[in-house]
Amino acid sequence: MSGRGLGRREFLLGSAGLAAAAILPGGPASAATGEPGLRIQRLAWAGIRLQLPAATLFIDPLVNPQAWGSALKDPLVAVDDAVGERFMLVTHAHPDHFDATAAAAILDKGGVLAHAAGLAPSPVPESARTRPSPPWEPQLLGDFTATPVPASDGYGDPQVSWVVSAGGRRIFHGGDTLWHGHWWRIGRQFGPFDAAFLPVNGARFGWRKPVSGQPGVLTPEQAVAAATILGARRLVPIHYGITGLAEYVETEDPIGRLQRAARDAPVSIQVVAPGGWVDWAA
């Protein structure tokens, strides 16, 4: 970009970002206003449930055992018990992140499926409404505000991360992104975060040839660095626990490496088992 000034596109994107930051209700200021609190449950693999008293939002829920078969030891947490209005966000269309079985269970009686503009997850229940969402543009989903922000997929497929605010909290969900250069802008526009849900398994893939031998997902050390740049108070690891596959190999001891990497970092690690809930007091 020229040092003489911003172009029209950069100006408009910057203005949208400032507007998004202004309307996002999360962070410490709103956390002290007495709004109904946000609870967050970790689901299997990369999935989470955000729970308000009268609304539920899911990100990348996974209930289909065929997605990973016996390689994933996580219990598959049910999602058909959502409370109130129902919303679902997907980071990308890979079947372990967009699970059509989960979408059918969540949105069988209506609701909204929000996804990146240009992505077309399918199939979607007939009762559901889809919400193509341009990057950096906040989406008002009932009492939730969700904004898609850039991510980087290990195979170059379309992917976003999500910034979500509700009930006096703001969180970041990183899908299965690898390292990229957008962390700083995301942190400036939306940070700090009460929690960052980040992939940590540093997996190396062998499905596409020639094999790179490089991590296609954040490593534990990269996850700590990303959480620090984002201004996250706590990092909740997701997207780990695959064993026994020749074509998908996780880094050894991802949680141990994560905890060691965070020893001198200004972010705490909160390991939440599938089915467990984030402890805001920890």
Protein backbone atom coordinates (compact mmCIF):
# COMPACT_ATOMS: atom_id res chain seq x y z
CA MET A 1 0.00 0.00 0.00
CA SER A 2 1.30 3.47 -0.86
CA GLY A 3 2.56 5.60 1.99
CA ARG A 4 0.61 8.57 0.54
CA GLY A 5 -2.68 7.45 2.07
CA LEU A 6 -5.34 4.80 2.23
CA GLY A 7 -7.18 3.63 -0.85
CA ARG A 8 -10.96 3.52 -0.92
CA ARG A 9 -11.07 -0.22 -0.16
CA GLU A 10 -8.67 0.07 2.78
CA PHE A 11 -10.63 3.04 4.13
CA LEU A 12 -13.94 1.18 3.93
CA LEU A 13 -12.51 -1.96 5.54
CA GLY A 14 -10.97 0.11 8.31
CA SER A 15 -14.25 1.92 8.90
CA ALA A 16 -16.12 -1.38 9.05
CA GLY A 17 -13.62 -2.67 11.58
CA LEU A 18 -14.03 0.38 13.80
CA ALA A 19 -17.80 0.06 13.59
CA ALA A 20 -17.59 -3.61 14.48
CA ALA A 21 -15.44 -2.91 17.51
CA ALA A 22 -17.87 -0.21 18.60
CA ILE A 23 -20.93 -2.46 18.56
CA LEU A 24 -19.34 -5.59 19.98
CA PRO A 25 -20.70 -5.98 23.50
CA GLY A 26 -17.92 -8.10 24.98
CA GLY A 27 -14.93 -7.28 27.13
CA PRO A 28 -14.41 -6.21 30.72
CA ALA A 29 -16.60 -3.12 30.54
CA SER A 30 -19.78 -4.98 29.63
CA ALA A 31 -18.84 -7.91 31.84
CA ALA A 32 -19.45 -5.61 34.79
CA THR A 33 -22.89 -4.42 33.66
CA GLY A 34 -24.85 -7.32 35.07
CA GLU A 35 -25.90 -8.75 31.70
CA PRO A 36 -26.94 -12.43 31.74
CA GLY A 37 -23.74 -14.41 31.66
CA LEU A 38 -22.35 -16.44 28.79
CA ARG A 39 -21.47 -20.08 29.40
CA ILE A 40 -19.28 -22.03 26.99
CA GLN A 41 -19.10 -25.80 26.66
CA ARG A 42 -16.39 -27.59 24.78
CA LEU A 43 -17.72 -30.20 22.34
CA ALA A 44 -15.79 -32.89 20.49
CA TRP A 45 -12.73 -31.98 18.39
CA ALA A 46 -12.99 -28.26 17.49
CA GLY A 47 -16.60 -27.66 18.50
CA ILE A 48 -17.97 -25.34 21.19
CA ARG A 49 -21.41 -24.32 22.45
CA LEU A 50 -22.10 -20.75 23.60
CA GLN A 51 -25.07 -20.65 25.94
CA LEU A 52 -27.21 -17.68 26.96
CA PRO A 53 -30.42 -18.02 28.99
CA ALA A 54 -32.59 -17.86 25.86
CA ALA A 55 -30.26 -18.61 22.95
CA THR A 56 -27.57 -21.07 21.88
CA LEU A 57 -24.80 -20.67 19.33
CA PHE A 58 -22.56 -23.49 18.12
CA ILE A 59 -19.23 -23.25 16.30
CA ASP A 60 -17.96 -26.27 14.32
CA PRO A 61 -20.03 -28.84 16.24
CA LEU A 62 -19.16 -32.48 15.51
CA VAL A 63 -21.40 -35.45 16.30
CA ASN A 64 -20.86 -37.73 13.30
CA PRO A 65 -18.62 -40.65 14.34
CA GLN A 66 -17.69 -41.27 10.71
CA ALA A 67 -15.75 -38.00 10.52
CA TRP A 68 -12.70 -39.52 12.23
CA GLY A 69 -13.82 -43.02 13.16
CA SER A 70 -11.86 -44.66 15.95
CA ALA A 71 -8.92 -42.25 15.49
CA LEU A 72 -10.70 -39.60 17.59
CA LYS A 73 -11.13 -40.61 21.21
CA ASP A 74 -13.25 -37.59 22.19
CA PRO A 75 -16.79 -38.38 23.34
CA LEU A 76 -19.26 -36.95 20.84
CA VAL A 77 -21.31 -34.45 22.86
CA ALA A 78 -24.99 -34.20 21.89
CA VAL A 79 -26.21 -30.92 20.37
CA ASP A 80 -29.94 -31.59 20.03
CA ASP A 81 -30.73 -30.03 23.42
CA ALA A 82 -30.13 -26.38 22.52
CA VAL A 83 -32.01 -23.74 24.49
CA GLY A 84 -33.99 -20.93 22.85
CA GLU A 85 -32.96 -19.38 19.54
CA ARG A 86 -30.43 -21.48 17.65
CA PHE A 87 -27.44 -20.37 15.66
CA MET A 88 -24.53 -22.22 14.10
CA LEU A 89 -21.24 -20.90 12.74
CA VAL A 90 -18.81 -22.86 10.59
CA THR A 91 -15.18 -21.99 9.97
CA HIS A 92 -14.87 -24.07 6.80
CA ALA A 93 -16.52 -26.89 4.91
CA HIS A 94 -14.26 -29.84 5.80
CA PRO A 95 -16.50 -32.59 7.25
CA ASP A 96 -14.88 -32.48 10.70
CA HIS A 97 -15.86 -28.78 10.98
CA PHE A 98 -19.09 -28.63 9.01
CA ASP A 99 -20.96 -31.71 10.17
CA ALA A 100 -24.29 -31.98 8.34
CA THR A 101 -25.57 -34.36 11.02
CA ALA A 102 -24.93 -31.74 13.70
CA ALA A 103 -26.52 -29.03 11.55
CA ALA A 104 -29.65 -31.15 11.16
CA ALA A 105 -29.88 -31.71 14.91
CA ILE A 106 -29.36 -28.04 15.79
CA LEU A 107 -31.41 -26.38 13.07
CA ASP A 108 -34.22 -28.90 12.57
CA LYS A 109 -36.76 -26.41 13.96
CA GLY A 110 -35.25 -23.33 12.38
CA GLY A 111 -32.36 -21.04 13.10
CA VAL A 112 -29.43 -19.48 11.27
CA LEU A 113 -26.30 -21.05 9.79
CA ALA A 114 -23.65 -18.35 9.29
CA HIS A 115 -20.63 -19.00 7.11
CA ALA A 116 -18.01 -17.12 5.16
CA ALA A 117 -19.22 -15.41 2.00
CA GLY A 118 -18.32 -17.61 -0.95
CA LEU A 119 -18.53 -20.79 1.10
CA ALA A 120 -21.54 -23.04 0.52
CA PRO A 121 -21.77 -25.71 3.23
CA SER A 122 -24.22 -28.43 2.24
CA PRO A 123 -26.63 -29.96 3.01
CA VAL A 124 -28.44 -27.44 5.19
CA PRO A 125 -31.82 -28.23 6.81
CA GLU A 126 -34.74 -26.73 4.87
CA SER A 127 -35.95 -25.05 8.05
CA ALA A 128 -32.68 -23.14 8.48
CA ARG A 129 -31.68 -19.76 7.06
CA THR A 130 -28.16 -19.31 5.76
CA ARG A 131 -26.16 -16.14 6.37
CA PRO A 132 -23.20 -15.60 4.00
CA SER A 133 -20.91 -13.32 5.99
CA PRO A 134 -18.21 -11.09 4.42
CA PRO A 135 -14.93 -10.84 6.32
CA TRP A 136 -14.71 -8.20 9.04
CA GLU A 137 -18.47 -7.51 8.91
CA PRO A 138 -20.33 -8.17 12.20
CA GLN A 139 -23.42 -10.36 12.02
CA LEU A 140 -26.18 -9.74 14.55
CA LEU A 141 -27.58 -13.13 15.55
CA GLY A 142 -30.12 -12.45 18.26
CA ASP A 143 -28.12 -11.60 21.38
CA PHE A 144 -24.87 -12.76 19.77
CA THR A 145 -22.59 -10.67 17.57
CA ALA A 146 -20.35 -12.78 15.33
CA THR A 147 -17.67 -11.48 12.98
CA PRO A 148 -15.72 -13.63 10.50
CA VAL A 149 -12.02 -12.78 10.36
CA PRO A 150 -9.19 -14.18 8.23
CA ALA A 151 -7.70 -17.62 8.79
CA SER A 152 -5.34 -19.82 6.79
CA ASP A 153 -6.19 -23.40 5.90
CA GLY A 154 -3.51 -26.07 5.71
CA TYR A 155 -4.57 -27.00 2.17
CA GLY A 156 -5.52 -23.50 1.07
CA ASP A 157 -9.27 -24.11 1.21
CA PRO A 158 -11.59 -21.23 2.21
CA GLN A 159 -11.61 -20.77 5.97
CA VAL A 160 -12.40 -18.06 8.52
CA SER A 161 -12.09 -17.66 12.25
CA TRP A 162 -14.90 -16.18 14.33
CA VAL A 163 -15.03 -13.39 16.90
CA VAL A 164 -18.17 -13.76 19.01
CA SER A 165 -19.50 -11.48 21.74
CA ALA A 166 -22.45 -12.05 24.05
CA GLY A 167 -23.41 -11.78 27.69
CA GLY A 168 -20.50 -9.53 28.54
CA ARG A 169 -17.82 -11.79 27.05
CA ARG A 170 -15.80 -11.83 23.86
CA ILE A 171 -14.18 -14.97 22.46
CA PHE A 172 -12.14 -16.04 19.45
CA HIS A 173 -12.51 -19.39 17.67
CA GLY A 174 -9.72 -20.40 15.33
CA GLY A 175 -11.13 -23.46 13.54
CA ASP A 176 -8.02 -25.36 12.44
CA THR A 177 -6.04 -22.41 11.13
CA LEU A 178 -2.30 -22.37 10.76
CA TRP A 179 -0.06 -19.38 11.45
CA HIS A 180 -0.77 -16.21 9.44
CA GLY A 181 -0.22 -12.47 9.53
CA HIS A 182 -3.70 -11.27 10.52
CA TRP A 183 -3.36 -11.81 14.28
CA TRP A 184 -2.24 -8.24 14.92
CA ARG A 185 -5.15 -6.60 13.13
CA ILE A 186 -7.66 -8.94 14.78
CA GLY A 187 -6.17 -8.16 18.17
CA ARG A 188 -6.20 -4.40 17.55
CA GLN A 189 -9.80 -4.33 16.33
CA PHE A 190 -11.43 -6.83 18.66
CA GLY A 191 -9.13 -7.60 21.59
CA PRO A 192 -8.81 -8.25 24.39
CA PHE A 193 -10.58 -11.61 24.51
CA ASP A 194 -11.89 -13.47 27.51
CA ALA A 195 -10.90 -16.72 25.79
CA ALA A 196 -9.27 -17.89 22.59
CA PHE A 197 -10.21 -21.38 21.39
CA LEU A 198 -7.25 -22.39 19.26
CA PRO A 199 -6.12 -25.58 17.50
CA VAL A 200 -2.88 -26.89 18.96
CA ASN A 201 -2.01 -30.22 17.37
CA GLY A 202 0.48 -29.01 14.72
CA ALA A 203 -0.72 -31.82 12.45
CA ARG A 204 1.15 -32.89 9.34
CA PHE A 205 -0.98 -34.18 6.47
CA GLY A 206 -0.16 -36.82 3.91
CA TRP A 207 -3.29 -36.88 1.76
CA ARG A 208 -2.08 -34.54 -0.98
CA LYS A 209 1.13 -35.23 -2.87
CA PRO A 210 3.88 -34.31 -2.74
CA VAL A 211 3.79 -34.20 1.05
CA SER A 212 5.13 -30.97 2.56
CA GLY A 213 6.16 -32.38 5.93
CA GLN A 214 5.18 -29.03 7.46
CA PRO A 215 2.50 -28.38 10.11
CA GLY A 216 -0.87 -27.59 8.53
CA VAL A 217 -2.37 -26.48 11.86
CA LEU A 218 -1.07 -24.22 14.62
CA THR A 219 1.60 -25.82 16.77
CA PRO A 220 1.32 -25.44 20.56
CA GLU A 221 3.97 -22.71 20.57
CA GLN A 222 2.26 -20.86 17.73
CA ALA A 223 -1.08 -21.06 19.53
CA VAL A 224 0.44 -19.38 22.60
CA ALA A 225 1.97 -16.68 20.39
CA ALA A 226 -1.36 -16.10 18.62
CA ALA A 227 -3.26 -15.89 21.92
CA THR A 228 -0.72 -13.39 23.23
CA ILE A 229 -1.03 -11.17 20.15
CA LEU A 230 -4.83 -11.37 20.31
CA GLY A 231 -4.79 -10.26 23.94
CA ALA A 232 -6.54 -13.41 25.18
CA ARG A 233 -6.77 -13.88 28.93
CA ARG A 234 -7.03 -17.65 28.57
CA LEU A 235 -6.32 -20.14 25.81
CA VAL A 236 -8.60 -23.16 25.59
CA PRO A 237 -6.99 -25.80 23.35
CA ILE A 238 -9.15 -27.50 20.72
CA HIS A 239 -8.55 -29.72 17.70
CA TYR A 240 -6.26 -32.40 19.14
CA GLY A 241 -6.46 -36.06 20.07
CA ILE A 242 -6.17 -37.97 16.77
CA THR A 243 -4.11 -41.16 16.87
CA GLY A 244 -3.39 -44.12 14.63
CA LEU A 245 -3.59 -42.46 11.20
CA ALA A 246 -0.65 -42.64 8.81
CA GLU A 247 -1.84 -39.63 6.78
CA TYR A 248 -2.61 -37.33 9.74
CA VAL A 249 0.08 -37.12 12.40
CA GLU A 250 -0.21 -34.81 15.39
CA THR A 251 2.74 -33.32 17.19
CA GLU A 252 3.80 -35.30 20.23
CA ASP A 253 2.28 -34.25 23.59
CA PRO A 254 0.47 -31.11 22.34
CA ILE A 255 -0.96 -30.18 25.75
CA GLY A 256 2.36 -30.59 27.54
CA ARG A 257 4.08 -28.46 24.92
CA LEU A 258 1.31 -25.88 25.17
CA GLN A 259 1.66 -25.58 28.93
CA ARG A 260 5.44 -25.28 28.70
CA ALA A 261 5.19 -22.62 26.01
CA ALA A 262 2.80 -20.56 28.15
CA ARG A 263 4.96 -20.51 31.30
CA ASP A 264 6.33 -17.05 30.57
CA ALA A 265 3.42 -15.79 28.45
CA PRO A 266 0.67 -13.40 29.65
CA VAL A 267 -2.04 -15.99 28.93
CA SER A 268 -3.34 -18.86 31.03
CA ILE A 269 -4.05 -22.33 29.66
CA GLN A 270 -7.42 -23.85 30.53
CA VAL A 271 -7.77 -27.43 29.33
CA VAL A 272 -11.46 -28.33 29.05
CA ALA A 273 -12.50 -31.90 28.30
CA PRO A 274 -15.30 -32.46 25.76
CA GLY A 275 -18.57 -31.93 27.61
CA GLY A 276 -16.94 -29.64 30.17
CA TRP A 277 -17.57 -25.93 30.62
CA VAL A 278 -15.16 -23.00 30.68
CA ASP A 279 -14.49 -21.70 34.18
CA TRP A 280 -14.45 -17.92 34.01
CA ALA A 281 -13.05 -17.72 37.54
CA ALA A 282 -9.97 -19.80 36.71
